[in-house]
Amino acid sequence: MSFFKKLKEKMSGTPEEQIEKQSITEKFKGGLSKTRDQFTSKVNDLVAKYRKVDEDFFEELEELLLQADVGFETVMELMDKLRYEVQRKNIKDTSGIQSVIAEKLVEIYESGEEQLAELQLPETGLGVILLVGVNGVGKTTTIGKLAHRLKQQGKTVMLAAGDTFRAGAIDQLQEWGNRTGVEVVKQAEGSDPAAVMYDAVRAAKSRGVDVLICDTAGRLQNKVNLMNELEKIHRVISRELPDAPHEVLLALDATTGQNALIQAQTFKEVTNVTGIVLTKLDGTAKGGIVLAIRNKLGIPVKFVGLGEQMDDLQPFDADKYVYGLFAEGLELEDTEDK
C-alpha cells in the first residue's frame, strides 16, 4: 500500500473528525510549500531523469537531502535503509520510490516511539511548561498560541513573564494574555526571573489553574550565566511543586537551518530540554531540519509553526510532515498506482 493511501486511512473517522484531520494535513502541506518547491521539484526531476534505481540515483538523492538540511547522519541512515529496501523488494525502477522514501523518513523519525508530540503534563493538579530559546525565535508568540490551544481544550492557563531582561518582553506577553484571556503574573523589568516564577507557581496553585506557561530570558552570550539562571528557575519551581517543570520546550527558528541545530545543542547542554517548538517552518526552504534535530539530539519536535494565525501552531505529526515534503509526488504515485 502506498504512503498516501496509508495516510488517507489514518484520516478516517466521523465526518467532523475527517474534516479536522484533512484541515491539519492541509496546514502541513501549505506550511511546507517553500521546502517542497525547492526540494520536491528536484526529486521529481531526479525520478524523471533516472528511470532505474541505481547508485547514481542514490548519490544525487543524497545530495538533494543534504541541501534540504536533513542532516548528514539522517541522510546516511536513510540511504542505508533505502538500499536495503530496494534490494529486499527487488525494486528496479523509480516509480513509487517517493513513497518508499517517505515511509523510511517517518520510520527514522519515530524510531519505534509513539505519541512523541504529546505534552507530558499531570492528569490532575498544576502542570508547568518552561519555554526557553534565544531572542527573536518567536518564543513569546509561541507561548500565546500554546495558551490559546490549551484553552481550546478546556484547560485554565496562566502565564509567567520570566523574561525580565529584554525591553518590551513583559508588555508583549501581557498583550498575548489580553488576546487569549489569560492572566499574566509579572514584576517590573529587570526583576529576578526566579522571583516571578515563585509568585506565578503560588498564584497558579491557589487559583486551581491547570497549566502554567513560563517565559524565560533568551540570552546566549554566556553559557554559564544561562545555566545558572535556568537552574535557579528550576530549583524555585520544583521547591513549590515537586516534579515540575513537567516540560521544557525549546523554541527554534526553522529559517536559521543549521544554526537552530547549534542552539539546540547548547540548550541541551545547560538544561533538560524535553521537546522542540519549531517556529516559522512556513518561512523556510530547509524544512528537513526537523529530521536533523530529532536524529542528532534525540529530542522530539512537539509543535511546529505553520503560519501567522492563532491556530497555526500544530502538534508535530511525522506522517503529515513527510506528506508536506512530498505531497505532489506522493499524490502522483498514488494515481499511477490505481
C-alpha atoms as a PDB file:
ATOM      1  CA  MET A   1       0.000   0.000   0.000  1.00  0.00           C
ATOM      2  CA  SER A   2       1.328   3.465  -0.927  1.00  0.00           C
ATOM      3  CA  PHE A   3       2.278   6.033   1.735  1.00  0.00           C
ATOM      4  CA  PHE A   4      -0.537   8.328   0.542  1.00  0.00           C
ATOM      5  CA  LYS A   5      -3.151   5.541   0.897  1.00  0.00           C
ATOM      6  CA  LYS A   6      -1.943   4.791   4.443  1.00  0.00           C
ATOM      7  CA  LEU A   7      -2.195   8.489   5.313  1.00  0.00           C
ATOM      8  CA  LYS A   8      -5.769   8.623   3.961  1.00  0.00           C
ATOM      9  CA  GLU A   9      -6.659   5.559   6.066  1.00  0.00           C
ATOM     10  CA  LYS A  10      -5.402   7.373   9.190  1.00  0.00           C
ATOM     11  CA  MET A  11      -7.775  10.227   8.375  1.00  0.00           C
ATOM     12  CA  SER A  12     -10.859   8.049   8.739  1.00  0.00           C
ATOM     13  CA  GLY A  13     -13.441   8.748  11.459  1.00  0.00           C
ATOM     14  CA  THR A  14     -16.673  10.704  11.832  1.00  0.00           C
ATOM     15  CA  PRO A  15     -17.344  13.382   9.162  1.00  0.00           C
ATOM     16  CA  GLU A  16     -16.293  16.087  11.675  1.00  0.00           C
ATOM     17  CA  GLU A  17     -13.073  14.223  12.550  1.00  0.00           C
ATOM     18  CA  GLN A  18     -12.274  13.722   8.866  1.00  0.00           C
ATOM     19  CA  ILE A  19     -12.714  17.444   8.151  1.00  0.00           C
ATOM     20  CA  GLU A  20     -10.447  18.388  11.067  1.00  0.00           C
ATOM     21  CA  LYS A  21      -7.751  15.842  10.107  1.00  0.00           C
ATOM     22  CA  GLN A  22      -7.882  16.981   6.479  1.00  0.00           C
ATOM     23  CA  SER A  23      -7.590  20.627   7.581  1.00  0.00           C
ATOM     24  CA  ILE A  24      -4.477  19.868   9.688  1.00  0.00           C
ATOM     25  CA  THR A  25      -2.934  17.860   6.831  1.00  0.00           C
ATOM     26  CA  GLU A  26      -3.505  20.832   4.508  1.00  0.00           C
ATOM     27  CA  LYS A  27      -1.800  23.113   7.074  1.00  0.00           C
ATOM     28  CA  PHE A  28       1.316  20.921   6.911  1.00  0.00           C
ATOM     29  CA  LYS A  29       1.128  20.884   3.122  1.00  0.00           C
ATOM     30  CA  GLY A  30       0.784  24.675   2.985  1.00  0.00           C
ATOM     31  CA  GLY A  31       3.365  25.306   5.698  1.00  0.00           C
ATOM     32  CA  LEU A  32       6.000  23.219   3.928  1.00  0.00           C
ATOM     33  CA  SER A  33       5.362  24.673   0.467  1.00  0.00           C
ATOM     34  CA  LYS A  34       8.690  26.570   0.370  1.00  0.00           C
ATOM     35  CA  THR A  35      10.667  23.432   1.217  1.00  0.00           C
ATOM     36  CA  ARG A  36       8.601  21.432  -1.248  1.00  0.00           C
ATOM     37  CA  ASP A  37       9.038  23.996  -4.054  1.00  0.00           C
ATOM     38  CA  GLN A  38      12.809  23.706  -3.660  1.00  0.00           C
ATOM     39  CA  PHE A  39      13.162  20.082  -2.690  1.00  0.00           C
ATOM     40  CA  THR A  40      10.370  18.038  -4.235  1.00  0.00           C
ATOM     41  CA  SER A  41      10.616  19.587  -7.676  1.00  0.00           C
ATOM     42  CA  LYS A  42      14.250  18.440  -7.712  1.00  0.00           C
ATOM     43  CA  VAL A  43      13.243  14.956  -6.505  1.00  0.00           C
ATOM     44  CA  ASN A  44      10.618  14.803  -9.279  1.00  0.00           C
ATOM     45  CA  ASP A  45      13.287  15.828 -11.818  1.00  0.00           C
ATOM     46  CA  LEU A  46      15.577  13.156 -10.404  1.00  0.00           C
ATOM     47  CA  VAL A  47      12.884  10.468 -10.694  1.00  0.00           C
ATOM     48  CA  ALA A  48      12.226  11.551 -14.292  1.00  0.00           C
ATOM     49  CA  LYS A  49      15.962  11.568 -15.095  1.00  0.00           C
ATOM     50  CA  TYR A  50      16.662   8.107 -13.684  1.00  0.00           C
ATOM     51  CA  ARG A  51      14.121   5.548 -14.741  1.00  0.00           C
ATOM     52  CA  LYS A  52      16.158   2.893 -12.908  1.00  0.00           C
ATOM     53  CA  VAL A  53      17.204   2.843  -9.250  1.00  0.00           C
ATOM     54  CA  ASP A  54      20.986   2.635  -9.331  1.00  0.00           C
ATOM     55  CA  GLU A  55      23.986   4.030  -7.456  1.00  0.00           C
ATOM     56  CA  ASP A  56      23.975   7.281  -9.475  1.00  0.00           C
ATOM     57  CA  PHE A  57      20.338   7.839  -8.451  1.00  0.00           C
ATOM     58  CA  PHE A  58      21.209   7.275  -4.772  1.00  0.00           C
ATOM     59  CA  GLU A  59      24.150   9.688  -4.916  1.00  0.00           C
ATOM     60  CA  GLU A  60      22.074  12.510  -6.401  1.00  0.00           C
ATOM     61  CA  LEU A  61      19.227  11.862  -3.934  1.00  0.00           C
ATOM     62  CA  GLU A  62      21.737  12.020  -1.082  1.00  0.00           C
ATOM     63  CA  GLU A  63      22.912  15.447  -2.281  1.00  0.00           C
ATOM     64  CA  LEU A  64      19.342  16.770  -2.510  1.00  0.00           C
ATOM     65  CA  LEU A  65      18.523  15.665   1.046  1.00  0.00           C
ATOM     66  CA  LEU A  66      21.666  17.324   2.401  1.00  0.00           C
ATOM     67  CA  GLN A  67      20.692  20.588   0.669  1.00  0.00           C
ATOM     68  CA  ALA A  68      17.315  20.495   2.490  1.00  0.00           C
ATOM     69  CA  ASP A  69      19.194  20.436   5.854  1.00  0.00           C
ATOM     70  CA  VAL A  70      18.022  16.917   6.681  1.00  0.00           C
ATOM     71  CA  GLY A  71      21.426  16.394   8.312  1.00  0.00           C
ATOM     72  CA  PHE A  72      24.342  14.121   7.463  1.00  0.00           C
ATOM     73  CA  GLU A  73      23.608  11.310   9.955  1.00  0.00           C
ATOM     74  CA  THR A  74      19.922  11.160   8.980  1.00  0.00           C
ATOM     75  CA  VAL A  75      20.742  11.082   5.270  1.00  0.00           C
ATOM     76  CA  MET A  76      23.281   8.278   5.737  1.00  0.00           C
ATOM     77  CA  GLU A  77      20.770   6.240   7.760  1.00  0.00           C
ATOM     78  CA  LEU A  78      18.075   6.862   5.147  1.00  0.00           C
ATOM     79  CA  MET A  79      20.333   5.818   2.259  1.00  0.00           C
ATOM     80  CA  ASP A  80      21.205   2.557   4.053  1.00  0.00           C
ATOM     81  CA  LYS A  81      17.513   1.825   4.668  1.00  0.00           C
ATOM     82  CA  LEU A  82      16.595   2.661   1.067  1.00  0.00           C
ATOM     83  CA  ARG A  83      19.328   0.460  -0.404  1.00  0.00           C
ATOM     84  CA  TYR A  84      18.180  -2.419   1.823  1.00  0.00           C
ATOM     85  CA  GLU A  85      14.505  -1.893   0.901  1.00  0.00           C
ATOM     86  CA  VAL A  86      15.258  -1.663  -2.825  1.00  0.00           C
ATOM     87  CA  GLN A  87      17.200  -4.928  -2.609  1.00  0.00           C
ATOM     88  CA  ARG A  88      14.598  -6.648  -0.408  1.00  0.00           C
ATOM     89  CA  LYS A  89      11.645  -5.712  -2.629  1.00  0.00           C
ATOM     90  CA  ASN A  90      13.664  -6.072  -5.819  1.00  0.00           C
ATOM     91  CA  ILE A  91      12.724  -2.531  -6.889  1.00  0.00           C
ATOM     92  CA  LYS A  92      14.152  -1.847 -10.338  1.00  0.00           C
ATOM     93  CA  ASP A  93      12.630   1.460 -11.478  1.00  0.00           C
ATOM     94  CA  THR A  94      11.963   4.799  -9.764  1.00  0.00           C
ATOM     95  CA  SER A  95       8.146   4.723  -9.982  1.00  0.00           C
ATOM     96  CA  GLY A  96       6.846   4.556  -6.418  1.00  0.00           C
ATOM     97  CA  ILE A  97      10.248   5.399  -4.899  1.00  0.00           C
ATOM     98  CA  GLN A  98       8.971   8.609  -3.229  1.00  0.00           C
ATOM     99  CA  SER A  99       6.509   6.538  -1.215  1.00  0.00           C
ATOM    100  CA  VAL A 100       9.385   4.314  -0.033  1.00  0.00           C
ATOM    101  CA  ILE A 101      11.489   7.396   0.878  1.00  0.00           C
ATOM    102  CA  ALA A 102       8.527   8.883   2.819  1.00  0.00           C
ATOM    103  CA  GLU A 103       7.947   5.653   4.781  1.00  0.00           C
ATOM    104  CA  LYS A 104      11.621   5.396   5.730  1.00  0.00           C
ATOM    105  CA  LEU A 105      11.794   9.040   6.861  1.00  0.00           C
ATOM    106  CA  VAL A 106       8.827   8.505   9.197  1.00  0.00           C
ATOM    107  CA  GLU A 107      10.442   5.289  10.468  1.00  0.00           C
ATOM    108  CA  ILE A 108      13.722   7.110  11.215  1.00  0.00           C
ATOM    109  CA  TYR A 109      11.925   9.986  12.953  1.00  0.00           C
ATOM    110  CA  GLU A 110       9.744   7.816  15.187  1.00  0.00           C
ATOM    111  CA  SER A 111      12.464   5.262  15.987  1.00  0.00           C
ATOM    112  CA  GLY A 112       9.841   2.892  17.400  1.00  0.00           C
ATOM    113  CA  GLU A 113       8.415   5.547  19.765  1.00  0.00           C
ATOM    114  CA  GLU A 114       4.809   6.755  19.649  1.00  0.00           C
ATOM    115  CA  GLN A 115       2.961   9.852  20.895  1.00  0.00           C
ATOM    116  CA  LEU A 116       6.192  11.841  20.673  1.00  0.00           C
ATOM    117  CA  ALA A 117       4.355  15.158  20.255  1.00  0.00           C
ATOM    118  CA  GLU A 118       2.128  14.784  23.314  1.00  0.00           C
ATOM    119  CA  LEU A 119       2.762  17.136  26.234  1.00  0.00           C
ATOM    120  CA  GLN A 120       3.673  15.173  29.344  1.00  0.00           C
ATOM    121  CA  LEU A 121       1.549  17.045  31.876  1.00  0.00           C
ATOM    122  CA  PRO A 122      -0.027  15.622  35.059  1.00  0.00           C
ATOM    123  CA  GLU A 123      -3.622  14.426  34.720  1.00  0.00           C
ATOM    124  CA  THR A 124      -4.593  16.283  37.891  1.00  0.00           C
ATOM    125  CA  GLY A 125      -3.175  19.360  39.555  1.00  0.00           C
ATOM    126  CA  LEU A 126      -0.925  22.024  38.083  1.00  0.00           C
ATOM    127  CA  GLY A 127       1.242  21.332  35.029  1.00  0.00           C
ATOM    128  CA  VAL A 128       4.210  23.627  34.374  1.00  0.00           C
ATOM    129  CA  ILE A 129       5.752  24.292  30.952  1.00  0.00           C
ATOM    130  CA  LEU A 130       9.020  26.219  30.705  1.00  0.00           C
ATOM    131  CA  LEU A 131       9.742  27.907  27.344  1.00  0.00           C
ATOM    132  CA  VAL A 132      13.408  28.520  26.565  1.00  0.00           C
ATOM    133  CA  GLY A 133      15.177  29.867  23.481  1.00  0.00           C
ATOM    134  CA  VAL A 134      17.193  32.807  22.186  1.00  0.00           C
ATOM    135  CA  ASN A 135      15.628  36.200  21.471  1.00  0.00           C
ATOM    136  CA  GLY A 136      13.937  36.575  18.123  1.00  0.00           C
ATOM    137  CA  VAL A 137      12.844  32.970  17.536  1.00  0.00           C
ATOM    138  CA  GLY A 138       9.158  33.621  18.239  1.00  0.00           C
ATOM    139  CA  LYS A 139       9.150  32.396  21.835  1.00  0.00           C
ATOM    140  CA  THR A 140       6.531  34.832  23.164  1.00  0.00           C
ATOM    141  CA  THR A 141       4.256  34.276  20.158  1.00  0.00           C
ATOM    142  CA  THR A 142       4.583  30.519  20.726  1.00  0.00           C
ATOM    143  CA  ILE A 143       3.534  30.959  24.367  1.00  0.00           C
ATOM    144  CA  GLY A 144       0.465  32.937  23.290  1.00  0.00           C
ATOM    145  CA  LYS A 145      -0.546  30.368  20.664  1.00  0.00           C
ATOM    146  CA  LEU A 146       0.074  27.477  23.075  1.00  0.00           C
ATOM    147  CA  ALA A 147      -2.081  29.204  25.722  1.00  0.00           C
ATOM    148  CA  HIS A 148      -4.841  29.594  23.110  1.00  0.00           C
ATOM    149  CA  ARG A 149      -4.544  25.928  22.136  1.00  0.00           C
ATOM    150  CA  LEU A 150      -4.751  24.697  25.750  1.00  0.00           C
ATOM    151  CA  LYS A 151      -7.742  26.969  26.440  1.00  0.00           C
ATOM    152  CA  GLN A 152      -9.486  25.500  23.381  1.00  0.00           C
ATOM    153  CA  GLN A 153      -9.005  22.105  25.038  1.00  0.00           C
ATOM    154  CA  GLY A 154     -10.890  23.365  28.106  1.00  0.00           C
ATOM    155  CA  LYS A 155      -7.864  23.972  30.337  1.00  0.00           C
ATOM    156  CA  THR A 156      -7.322  27.002  32.547  1.00  0.00           C
ATOM    157  CA  VAL A 157      -3.997  28.655  31.754  1.00  0.00           C
ATOM    158  CA  MET A 158      -1.721  31.218  33.403  1.00  0.00           C
ATOM    159  CA  LEU A 159       1.429  32.864  32.008  1.00  0.00           C
ATOM    160  CA  ALA A 160       4.603  33.869  33.885  1.00  0.00           C
ATOM    161  CA  ALA A 161       6.615  36.793  32.450  1.00  0.00           C
ATOM    162  CA  GLY A 162      10.066  35.423  33.272  1.00  0.00           C
ATOM    163  CA  ASP A 163      11.922  37.305  30.521  1.00  0.00           C
ATOM    164  CA  THR A 164      12.573  40.392  32.672  1.00  0.00           C
ATOM    165  CA  PHE A 165      15.686  41.487  30.729  1.00  0.00           C
ATOM    166  CA  ARG A 166      14.538  42.129  27.151  1.00  0.00           C
ATOM    167  CA  ALA A 167      12.926  45.520  26.687  1.00  0.00           C
ATOM    168  CA  GLY A 168       9.231  45.116  25.938  1.00  0.00           C
ATOM    169  CA  ALA A 169       9.124  41.361  26.644  1.00  0.00           C
ATOM    170  CA  ILE A 170       6.732  41.710  29.601  1.00  0.00           C
ATOM    171  CA  ASP A 171       4.393  44.005  27.641  1.00  0.00           C
ATOM    172  CA  GLN A 172       4.475  41.622  24.673  1.00  0.00           C
ATOM    173  CA  LEU A 173       3.461  38.688  26.874  1.00  0.00           C
ATOM    174  CA  GLN A 174       0.751  40.800  28.535  1.00  0.00           C
ATOM    175  CA  GLU A 175      -0.605  41.590  25.065  1.00  0.00           C
ATOM    176  CA  TRP A 176      -0.883  37.852  24.358  1.00  0.00           C
ATOM    177  CA  GLY A 177      -2.535  37.406  27.769  1.00  0.00           C
ATOM    178  CA  ASN A 178      -5.135  40.013  26.784  1.00  0.00           C
ATOM    179  CA  ARG A 179      -5.722  38.389  23.375  1.00  0.00           C
ATOM    180  CA  THR A 180      -6.197  34.910  24.818  1.00  0.00           C
ATOM    181  CA  GLY A 181      -7.987  35.942  28.018  1.00  0.00           C
ATOM    182  CA  VAL A 182      -5.240  34.516  30.226  1.00  0.00           C
ATOM    183  CA  GLU A 183      -3.824  36.004  33.449  1.00  0.00           C
ATOM    184  CA  VAL A 184      -0.152  37.058  33.342  1.00  0.00           C
ATOM    185  CA  VAL A 185       1.981  37.083  36.501  1.00  0.00           C
ATOM    186  CA  LYS A 186       4.705  39.726  36.170  1.00  0.00           C
ATOM    187  CA  GLN A 187       7.054  42.036  38.026  1.00  0.00           C
ATOM    188  CA  ALA A 188       8.969  45.141  36.981  1.00  0.00           C
ATOM    189  CA  GLU A 189      11.528  44.996  34.152  1.00  0.00           C
ATOM    190  CA  GLY A 190      14.925  43.888  35.494  1.00  0.00           C
ATOM    191  CA  SER A 191      13.419  41.814  38.351  1.00  0.00           C
ATOM    192  CA  ASP A 192      14.806  38.405  39.297  1.00  0.00           C
ATOM    193  CA  PRO A 193      13.132  35.855  36.944  1.00  0.00           C
ATOM    194  CA  ALA A 194      13.133  33.237  39.730  1.00  0.00           C
ATOM    195  CA  ALA A 195      11.059  35.572  41.901  1.00  0.00           C
ATOM    196  CA  VAL A 196       8.499  35.867  39.088  1.00  0.00           C
ATOM    197  CA  MET A 197       8.345  32.051  38.851  1.00  0.00           C
ATOM    198  CA  TYR A 198       7.872  31.770  42.615  1.00  0.00           C
ATOM    199  CA  ASP A 199       4.920  34.203  42.530  1.00  0.00           C
ATOM    200  CA  ALA A 200       3.454  32.509  39.435  1.00  0.00           C
ATOM    201  CA  VAL A 201       3.551  28.955  40.814  1.00  0.00           C
ATOM    202  CA  ARG A 202       1.972  30.043  44.083  1.00  0.00           C
ATOM    203  CA  ALA A 203      -0.717  32.040  42.255  1.00  0.00           C
ATOM    204  CA  ALA A 204      -1.457  29.168  39.845  1.00  0.00           C
ATOM    205  CA  LYS A 205      -1.775  26.689  42.721  1.00  0.00           C
ATOM    206  CA  SER A 206      -4.044  28.959  44.765  1.00  0.00           C
ATOM    207  CA  ARG A 207      -6.343  29.623  41.785  1.00  0.00           C
ATOM    208  CA  GLY A 208      -6.526  25.947  40.766  1.00  0.00           C
ATOM    209  CA  VAL A 209      -5.013  26.601  37.325  1.00  0.00           C
ATOM    210  CA  ASP A 210      -4.395  23.579  35.042  1.00  0.00           C
ATOM    211  CA  VAL A 211      -1.299  24.797  33.149  1.00  0.00           C
ATOM    212  CA  LEU A 212       1.303  27.470  33.903  1.00  0.00           C
ATOM    213  CA  ILE A 213       3.463  28.503  30.916  1.00  0.00           C
ATOM    214  CA  CYS A 214       6.683  30.306  31.883  1.00  0.00           C
ATOM    215  CA  ASP A 215       8.657  32.633  29.616  1.00  0.00           C
ATOM    216  CA  THR A 216      12.430  32.885  30.166  1.00  0.00           C
ATOM    217  CA  ALA A 217      15.208  35.247  29.056  1.00  0.00           C
ATOM    218  CA  GLY A 218      16.895  34.325  25.769  1.00  0.00           C
ATOM    219  CA  ARG A 219      20.476  35.411  26.282  1.00  0.00           C
ATOM    220  CA  LEU A 220      23.060  33.026  24.906  1.00  0.00           C
ATOM    221  CA  GLN A 221      26.195  35.189  25.206  1.00  0.00           C
ATOM    222  CA  ASN A 222      27.335  33.420  28.352  1.00  0.00           C
ATOM    223  CA  LYS A 223      26.572  29.718  28.697  1.00  0.00           C
ATOM    224  CA  VAL A 224      27.478  29.642  32.418  1.00  0.00           C
ATOM    225  CA  ASN A 225      25.071  32.510  33.218  1.00  0.00           C
ATOM    226  CA  LEU A 226      22.342  30.848  31.181  1.00  0.00           C
ATOM    227  CA  MET A 227      22.869  27.566  33.002  1.00  0.00           C
ATOM    228  CA  ASN A 228      22.850  29.242  36.418  1.00  0.00           C
ATOM    229  CA  GLU A 229      19.711  31.212  35.583  1.00  0.00           C
ATOM    230  CA  LEU A 230      17.789  28.169  34.340  1.00  0.00           C
ATOM    231  CA  GLU A 231      18.995  26.047  37.278  1.00  0.00           C
ATOM    232  CA  LYS A 232      17.738  28.695  39.717  1.00  0.00           C
ATOM    233  CA  ILE A 233      14.348  28.828  37.972  1.00  0.00           C
ATOM    234  CA  HIS A 234      14.130  25.011  38.053  1.00  0.00           C
ATOM    235  CA  ARG A 235      15.026  24.989  41.731  1.00  0.00           C
ATOM    236  CA  VAL A 236      12.399  27.588  42.674  1.00  0.00           C
ATOM    237  CA  ILE A 237       9.648  25.867  40.669  1.00  0.00           C
ATOM    238  CA  SER A 238      10.422  22.344  41.937  1.00  0.00           C
ATOM    239  CA  ARG A 239      10.585  23.551  45.542  1.00  0.00           C
ATOM    240  CA  GLU A 240       6.985  24.758  45.220  1.00  0.00           C
ATOM    241  CA  LEU A 241       5.884  21.870  43.015  1.00  0.00           C
ATOM    242  CA  PRO A 242       7.959  18.635  43.025  1.00  0.00           C
ATOM    243  CA  ASP A 243       8.491  17.079  39.542  1.00  0.00           C
ATOM    244  CA  ALA A 244       7.930  20.482  37.898  1.00  0.00           C
ATOM    245  CA  PRO A 245       8.603  21.820  35.352  1.00  0.00           C
ATOM    246  CA  HIS A 246       6.939  18.930  33.527  1.00  0.00           C
ATOM    247  CA  GLU A 247       8.001  20.134  30.070  1.00  0.00           C
ATOM    248  CA  VAL A 248      10.962  22.269  28.991  1.00  0.00           C
ATOM    249  CA  LEU A 249      10.233  23.328  25.427  1.00  0.00           C
ATOM    250  CA  LEU A 250      12.956  24.906  23.316  1.00  0.00           C
ATOM    251  CA  ALA A 251      11.740  27.369  20.660  1.00  0.00           C
ATOM    252  CA  LEU A 252      13.859  27.316  17.498  1.00  0.00           C
ATOM    253  CA  ASP A 253      13.518  29.365  14.312  1.00  0.00           C
ATOM    254  CA  ALA A 254      13.339  26.933  11.380  1.00  0.00           C
ATOM    255  CA  THR A 255      14.566  29.613   8.955  1.00  0.00           C
ATOM    256  CA  THR A 256      18.014  29.582  10.606  1.00  0.00           C
ATOM    257  CA  GLY A 257      18.679  25.986   9.412  1.00  0.00           C
ATOM    258  CA  GLN A 258      21.842  24.507  10.904  1.00  0.00           C
ATOM    259  CA  ASN A 259      22.125  27.396  13.406  1.00  0.00           C
ATOM    260  CA  ALA A 260      18.946  26.065  15.021  1.00  0.00           C
ATOM    261  CA  LEU A 261      20.737  22.748  15.490  1.00  0.00           C
ATOM    262  CA  ILE A 262      23.680  24.507  17.199  1.00  0.00           C
ATOM    263  CA  GLN A 263      21.288  26.379  19.530  1.00  0.00           C
ATOM    264  CA  ALA A 264      19.508  23.129  20.376  1.00  0.00           C
ATOM    265  CA  GLN A 265      22.855  21.524  21.241  1.00  0.00           C
ATOM    266  CA  THR A 266      23.749  24.461  23.537  1.00  0.00           C
ATOM    267  CA  PHE A 267      20.435  24.425  25.400  1.00  0.00           C
ATOM    268  CA  LYS A 268      20.545  20.644  25.707  1.00  0.00           C
ATOM    269  CA  GLU A 269      23.897  21.017  27.477  1.00  0.00           C
ATOM    270  CA  VAL A 270      22.564  23.538  30.028  1.00  0.00           C
ATOM    271  CA  THR A 271      19.048  22.227  30.738  1.00  0.00           C
ATOM    272  CA  ASN A 272      16.868  19.143  30.312  1.00  0.00           C
ATOM    273  CA  VAL A 273      15.048  20.014  27.073  1.00  0.00           C
ATOM    274  CA  THR A 274      12.044  17.684  26.670  1.00  0.00           C
ATOM    275  CA  GLY A 275      10.772  18.930  23.317  1.00  0.00           C
ATOM    276  CA  ILE A 276      11.252  21.387  20.472  1.00  0.00           C
ATOM    277  CA  VAL A 277       8.854  24.003  19.141  1.00  0.00           C
ATOM    278  CA  LEU A 278       9.979  24.766  15.603  1.00  0.00           C
ATOM    279  CA  THR A 279       8.687  28.203  14.627  1.00  0.00           C
ATOM    280  CA  LYS A 280       8.425  29.749  11.135  1.00  0.00           C
ATOM    281  CA  LEU A 281       8.527  26.385   9.340  1.00  0.00           C
ATOM    282  CA  ASP A 282       6.352  28.018   6.687  1.00  0.00           C
ATOM    283  CA  GLY A 283       9.109  30.587   6.047  1.00  0.00           C
ATOM    284  CA  THR A 284      11.973  28.254   5.165  1.00  0.00           C
ATOM    285  CA  ALA A 285      13.042  26.134   2.206  1.00  0.00           C
ATOM    286  CA  LYS A 286      15.060  23.923   4.584  1.00  0.00           C
ATOM    287  CA  GLY A 287      12.263  22.107   6.416  1.00  0.00           C
ATOM    288  CA  GLY A 288      14.435  18.991   6.644  1.00  0.00           C
ATOM    289  CA  ILE A 289      15.908  20.468   9.846  1.00  0.00           C
ATOM    290  CA  VAL A 290      13.103  18.687  11.785  1.00  0.00           C
ATOM    291  CA  LEU A 291      14.696  15.333  10.965  1.00  0.00           C
ATOM    292  CA  ALA A 292      18.222  16.536  11.745  1.00  0.00           C
ATOM    293  CA  ILE A 293      17.208  17.781  15.225  1.00  0.00           C
ATOM    294  CA  ARG A 294      15.392  14.570  16.101  1.00  0.00           C
ATOM    295  CA  ASN A 295      18.129  12.298  14.789  1.00  0.00           C
ATOM    296  CA  LYS A 296      21.174  14.180  16.080  1.00  0.00           C
ATOM    297  CA  LEU A 297      19.877  15.251  19.501  1.00  0.00           C
ATOM    298  CA  GLY A 298      17.205  12.647  20.225  1.00  0.00           C
ATOM    299  CA  ILE A 299      14.727  15.403  21.180  1.00  0.00           C
ATOM    300  CA  PRO A 300      11.231  15.180  19.662  1.00  0.00           C
ATOM    301  CA  VAL A 301       9.665  18.149  17.879  1.00  0.00           C
ATOM    302  CA  LYS A 302       6.415  18.705  19.790  1.00  0.00           C
ATOM    303  CA  PHE A 303       4.958  21.659  17.878  1.00  0.00           C
ATOM    304  CA  VAL A 304       5.572  23.423  14.579  1.00  0.00           C
ATOM    305  CA  GLY A 305       4.605  26.933  13.480  1.00  0.00           C
ATOM    306  CA  LEU A 306       2.905  26.702  10.078  1.00  0.00           C
ATOM    307  CA  GLY A 307       1.648  30.278   9.654  1.00  0.00           C
ATOM    308  CA  GLU A 308       0.583  33.544  11.287  1.00  0.00           C
ATOM    309  CA  GLN A 309      -2.873  32.527  12.525  1.00  0.00           C
ATOM    310  CA  MET A 310      -3.624  31.671  16.159  1.00  0.00           C
ATOM    311  CA  ASP A 311      -4.280  28.002  15.322  1.00  0.00           C
ATOM    312  CA  ASP A 312      -1.224  27.620  13.062  1.00  0.00           C
ATOM    313  CA  LEU A 313       0.824  26.196  15.948  1.00  0.00           C
ATOM    314  CA  GLN A 314       0.225  22.472  15.421  1.00  0.00           C
ATOM    315  CA  PRO A 315       1.380  19.335  17.254  1.00  0.00           C
ATOM    316  CA  PHE A 316       4.067  17.725  15.143  1.00  0.00           C
ATOM    317  CA  ASP A 317       2.942  14.680  13.161  1.00  0.00           C
ATOM    318  CA  ALA A 318       5.633  12.745  11.277  1.00  0.00           C
ATOM    319  CA  ASP A 319       3.231  11.346   8.648  1.00  0.00           C
ATOM    320  CA  LYS A 320       1.712  14.747   7.855  1.00  0.00           C
ATOM    321  CA  TYR A 321       5.139  16.385   7.879  1.00  0.00           C
ATOM    322  CA  VAL A 322       6.602  13.912   5.384  1.00  0.00           C
ATOM    323  CA  TYR A 323       3.452  14.233   3.265  1.00  0.00           C
ATOM    324  CA  GLY A 324       4.040  18.005   3.343  1.00  0.00           C
ATOM    325  CA  LEU A 325       7.565  17.426   1.982  1.00  0.00           C
ATOM    326  CA  PHE A 326       6.491  15.182  -0.898  1.00  0.00           C
ATOM    327  CA  ALA A 327       2.772  15.998  -1.413  1.00  0.00           C
ATOM    328  CA  GLU A 328       2.511  16.240  -5.213  1.00  0.00           C
ATOM    329  CA  GLY A 329       4.924  13.371  -5.838  1.00  0.00           C
ATOM    330  CA  LEU A 330       3.049  11.066  -3.443  1.00  0.00           C
ATOM    331  CA  GLU A 331      -0.325  12.011  -4.927  1.00  0.00           C
ATOM    332  CA  LEU A 332       1.002  11.389  -8.438  1.00  0.00           C
ATOM    333  CA  GLU A 333       2.389   7.974  -7.426  1.00  0.00           C
ATOM    334  CA  ASP A 334      -0.968   7.154  -5.865  1.00  0.00           C
ATOM    335  CA  THR A 335      -2.873   7.906  -9.097  1.00  0.00           C
ATOM    336  CA  GLU A 336      -0.345   5.921 -11.152  1.00  0.00           C
ATOM    337  CA  ASP A 337      -0.780   3.046  -8.716  1.00  0.00           C
ATOM    338  CA  LYS A 338      -4.522   2.742  -9.481  1.00  0.00           C
END
